[in-house]
C-alpha atoms as a PDB file:
ATOM      1  CA  MET A   1       0.000   0.000   0.000  1.00  0.00           C
ATOM      2  CA  LYS A   2       1.569   3.237  -1.124  1.00  0.00           C
ATOM      3  CA  GLN A   3       1.021   6.200   1.176  1.00  0.00           C
ATOM      4  CA  TYR A   4       0.221   9.595  -0.291  1.00  0.00           C
ATOM      5  CA  GLN A   5      -0.026  12.889   1.528  1.00  0.00           C
ATOM      6  CA  LEU A   6      -3.576  14.187   1.823  1.00  0.00           C
ATOM      7  CA  SER A   7      -2.256  17.697   1.090  1.00  0.00           C
ATOM      8  CA  ARG A   8      -1.419  16.573  -2.484  1.00  0.00           C
ATOM      9  CA  LEU A   9      -5.130  16.280  -3.366  1.00  0.00           C
ATOM     10  CA  LYS A  10      -5.084  19.777  -4.879  1.00  0.00           C
ATOM     11  CA  HIS A  11      -7.031  19.205  -8.085  1.00  0.00           C
ATOM     12  CA  THR A  12     -10.628  18.314  -8.927  1.00  0.00           C
ATOM     13  CA  ALA A  13     -11.774  15.781 -11.516  1.00  0.00           C
ATOM     14  CA  GLU A  14     -15.229  14.943 -12.786  1.00  0.00           C
ATOM     15  CA  PHE A  15     -16.095  11.274 -13.200  1.00  0.00           C
ATOM     16  CA  GLY A  16     -18.918  10.422 -15.549  1.00  0.00           C
ATOM     17  CA  ILE A  17     -20.322   8.692 -18.583  1.00  0.00           C
ATOM     18  CA  TYR A  18     -21.433   9.654 -22.051  1.00  0.00           C
ATOM     19  CA  ASP A  19     -25.103  10.301 -22.548  1.00  0.00           C
ATOM     20  CA  TYR A  20     -26.773  10.797 -25.898  1.00  0.00           C
ATOM     21  CA  GLN A  21     -29.055  13.726 -26.635  1.00  0.00           C
ATOM     22  CA  GLU A  22     -30.927  14.578 -29.775  1.00  0.00           C
ATOM     23  CA  GLY A  23     -30.114  18.014 -31.131  1.00  0.00           C
ATOM     24  CA  ALA A  24     -32.549  20.466 -32.717  1.00  0.00           C
ATOM     25  CA  ASN A  25     -31.704  19.138 -36.188  1.00  0.00           C
ATOM     26  CA  GLY A  26     -32.472  15.533 -35.173  1.00  0.00           C
ATOM     27  CA  ILE A  27     -28.837  14.409 -34.929  1.00  0.00           C
ATOM     28  CA  THR A  28     -27.883  12.436 -31.827  1.00  0.00           C
ATOM     29  CA  VAL A  29     -24.933  14.000 -30.011  1.00  0.00           C
ATOM     30  CA  GLU A  30     -22.625  12.470 -27.372  1.00  0.00           C
ATOM     31  CA  VAL A  31     -22.625  14.568 -24.168  1.00  0.00           C
ATOM     32  CA  PHE A  32     -20.504  14.107 -21.022  1.00  0.00           C
ATOM     33  CA  LYS A  33     -22.677  13.570 -17.928  1.00  0.00           C
ATOM     34  CA  THR A  34     -21.001  14.072 -14.534  1.00  0.00           C
ATOM     35  CA  LEU A  35     -21.831  11.388 -11.949  1.00  0.00           C
ATOM     36  CA  PHE A  36     -19.525  12.641  -9.164  1.00  0.00           C
ATOM     37  CA  THR A  37     -16.424  14.748  -8.539  1.00  0.00           C
ATOM     38  CA  LYS A  38     -13.320  13.899  -6.542  1.00  0.00           C
ATOM     39  CA  ARG A  39     -10.165  15.629  -5.386  1.00  0.00           C
ATOM     40  CA  PHE A  40      -6.991  14.088  -6.822  1.00  0.00           C
ATOM     41  CA  GLY A  41      -3.219  14.408  -6.928  1.00  0.00           C
ATOM     42  CA  TYR A  42      -0.787  13.591  -9.698  1.00  0.00           C
ATOM     43  CA  VAL A  43       1.460  10.525  -9.418  1.00  0.00           C
ATOM     44  CA  THR A  44       5.031  10.734 -10.636  1.00  0.00           C
ATOM     45  CA  GLN A  45       5.666   7.628 -12.700  1.00  0.00           C
ATOM     46  CA  SER A  46       8.886   5.687 -12.278  1.00  0.00           C
ATOM     47  CA  ILE A  47      11.052   4.813 -15.281  1.00  0.00           C
ATOM     48  CA  ASN A  48       9.712   1.232 -15.043  1.00  0.00           C
ATOM     49  CA  SER A  49       6.098   2.438 -15.192  1.00  0.00           C
ATOM     50  CA  GLN A  50       6.857   4.709 -18.127  1.00  0.00           C
ATOM     51  CA  LEU A  51       8.504   1.861 -20.045  1.00  0.00           C
ATOM     52  CA  SER A  52       5.680  -0.592 -19.344  1.00  0.00           C
ATOM     53  CA  ASN A  53       3.110   2.014 -20.415  1.00  0.00           C
ATOM     54  CA  THR A  54       5.064   2.631 -23.612  1.00  0.00           C
ATOM     55  CA  GLY A  55       4.899  -1.101 -24.266  1.00  0.00           C
ATOM     56  CA  LEU A  56       1.118  -0.885 -24.130  1.00  0.00           C
ATOM     57  CA  SER A  57       1.281   1.781 -26.849  1.00  0.00           C
ATOM     58  CA  GLN A  58      -0.712   4.178 -24.696  1.00  0.00           C
ATOM     59  CA  THR A  59      -0.332   7.737 -25.923  1.00  0.00           C
ATOM     60  CA  TYR A  60      -0.461  10.735 -23.627  1.00  0.00           C
ATOM     61  CA  GLN A  61      -0.942   9.123 -20.257  1.00  0.00           C
ATOM     62  CA  ILE A  62      -1.135  10.696 -16.843  1.00  0.00           C
ATOM     63  CA  ALA A  63      -1.399   8.976 -13.490  1.00  0.00           C
ATOM     64  CA  ILE A  64      -3.470  10.271 -10.591  1.00  0.00           C
ATOM     65  CA  PHE A  65      -4.505   9.100  -7.130  1.00  0.00           C
ATOM     66  CA  VAL A  66      -7.770   9.596  -5.238  1.00  0.00           C
ATOM     67  CA  LYS A  67      -9.125   8.511  -1.871  1.00  0.00           C
ATOM     68  CA  HIS A  68     -10.587   5.010  -2.249  1.00  0.00           C
ATOM     69  CA  ASP A  69     -14.101   5.118  -3.670  1.00  0.00           C
ATOM     70  CA  LYS A  70     -16.139   2.013  -4.503  1.00  0.00           C
ATOM     71  CA  ARG A  71     -17.956   3.959  -7.260  1.00  0.00           C
ATOM     72  CA  LEU A  72     -14.788   3.973  -9.387  1.00  0.00           C
ATOM     73  CA  LYS A  73     -14.919   1.697 -12.431  1.00  0.00           C
ATOM     74  CA  ASP A  74     -12.632   1.454 -15.436  1.00  0.00           C
ATOM     75  CA  THR A  75     -15.599   2.242 -17.711  1.00  0.00           C
ATOM     76  CA  LEU A  76     -15.901   5.818 -16.423  1.00  0.00           C
ATOM     77  CA  ILE A  77     -14.634   8.884 -18.240  1.00  0.00           C
ATOM     78  CA  VAL A  78     -12.513  11.371 -16.280  1.00  0.00           C
ATOM     79  CA  LYS A  79     -12.688  15.079 -17.086  1.00  0.00           C
ATOM     80  CA  ILE A  80      -9.791  17.282 -15.932  1.00  0.00           C
ATOM     81  CA  ASP A  81      -9.566  20.930 -17.021  1.00  0.00           C
ATOM     82  CA  GLU A  82     -12.025  20.347 -19.899  1.00  0.00           C
ATOM     83  CA  GLU A  83      -9.925  17.426 -21.240  1.00  0.00           C
ATOM     84  CA  GLU A  84     -11.531  13.980 -21.291  1.00  0.00           C
ATOM     85  CA  TYR A  85      -9.645  10.782 -20.451  1.00  0.00           C
ATOM     86  CA  LYS A  86     -10.424   7.083 -20.503  1.00  0.00           C
ATOM     87  CA  ILE A  87      -9.220   4.988 -17.572  1.00  0.00           C
ATOM     88  CA  ALA A  88      -6.414   2.760 -18.894  1.00  0.00           C
ATOM     89  CA  THR A  89      -5.666   1.090 -15.530  1.00  0.00           C
ATOM     90  CA  LEU A  90      -7.349   1.246 -12.141  1.00  0.00           C
ATOM     91  CA  ASN A  91      -5.521  -0.012  -9.052  1.00  0.00           C
ATOM     92  CA  ILE A  92      -7.840  -0.292  -6.056  1.00  0.00           C
ATOM     93  CA  ASP A  93      -6.653  -0.061  -2.440  1.00  0.00           C
ATOM     94  CA  ASP A  94      -9.691  -0.682  -0.254  1.00  0.00           C
ATOM     95  CA  SER A  95      -7.730  -0.720   3.012  1.00  0.00           C
ATOM     96  CA  LEU A  96      -8.395   1.843   5.725  1.00  0.00           C
ATOM     97  CA  ASN A  97      -7.237   5.245   4.406  1.00  0.00           C
ATOM     98  CA  GLY A  98      -6.415   3.636   1.054  1.00  0.00           C
ATOM     99  CA  TYR A  99      -5.833   5.477  -2.205  1.00  0.00           C
ATOM    100  CA  ASP A 100      -6.815   4.264  -5.659  1.00  0.00           C
ATOM    101  CA  THR A 101      -4.409   5.009  -8.506  1.00  0.00           C
ATOM    102  CA  LEU A 102      -5.599   5.561 -12.062  1.00  0.00           C
ATOM    103  CA  THR A 103      -3.647   5.752 -15.290  1.00  0.00           C
ATOM    104  CA  LEU A 104      -5.539   7.904 -17.759  1.00  0.00           C
ATOM    105  CA  LYS A 105      -5.324   7.952 -21.533  1.00  0.00           C
ATOM    106  CA  LYS A 106      -6.405  11.070 -23.366  1.00  0.00           C
ATOM    107  CA  LYS A 107      -9.628  10.467 -25.262  1.00  0.00           C
ATOM    108  CA  THR A 108      -9.229  10.812 -29.007  1.00  0.00           C
ATOM    109  CA  GLY A 109     -11.850  10.650 -31.690  1.00  0.00           C
ATOM    110  CA  ILE A 110     -15.472   9.673 -31.298  1.00  0.00           C
ATOM    111  CA  GLY A 111     -16.627   7.204 -28.639  1.00  0.00           C
END
């Protein structure tokens, strides 16, 4: 169990899903729907982590940590500063005062 300092949770992220709405012209549009928000901190990746992520051919990854939350699922979309990310990996730590770590991949294209 890696210990993080609570004071590093300086940023806010929105966790949500895509919902579909029909526009005025009848075209269905994908819209981000926030389910909950959480405070997070950035994780500095080791050289080993960076190399293993490169092997997965993941482009533009960031790693963050949040207080453990059983609502977290790898199917959620994470929105940070108007940028949307898919969850590439989710490491759960459900121990007392545990932190979950997420590796995020920048969302590209449609869907």
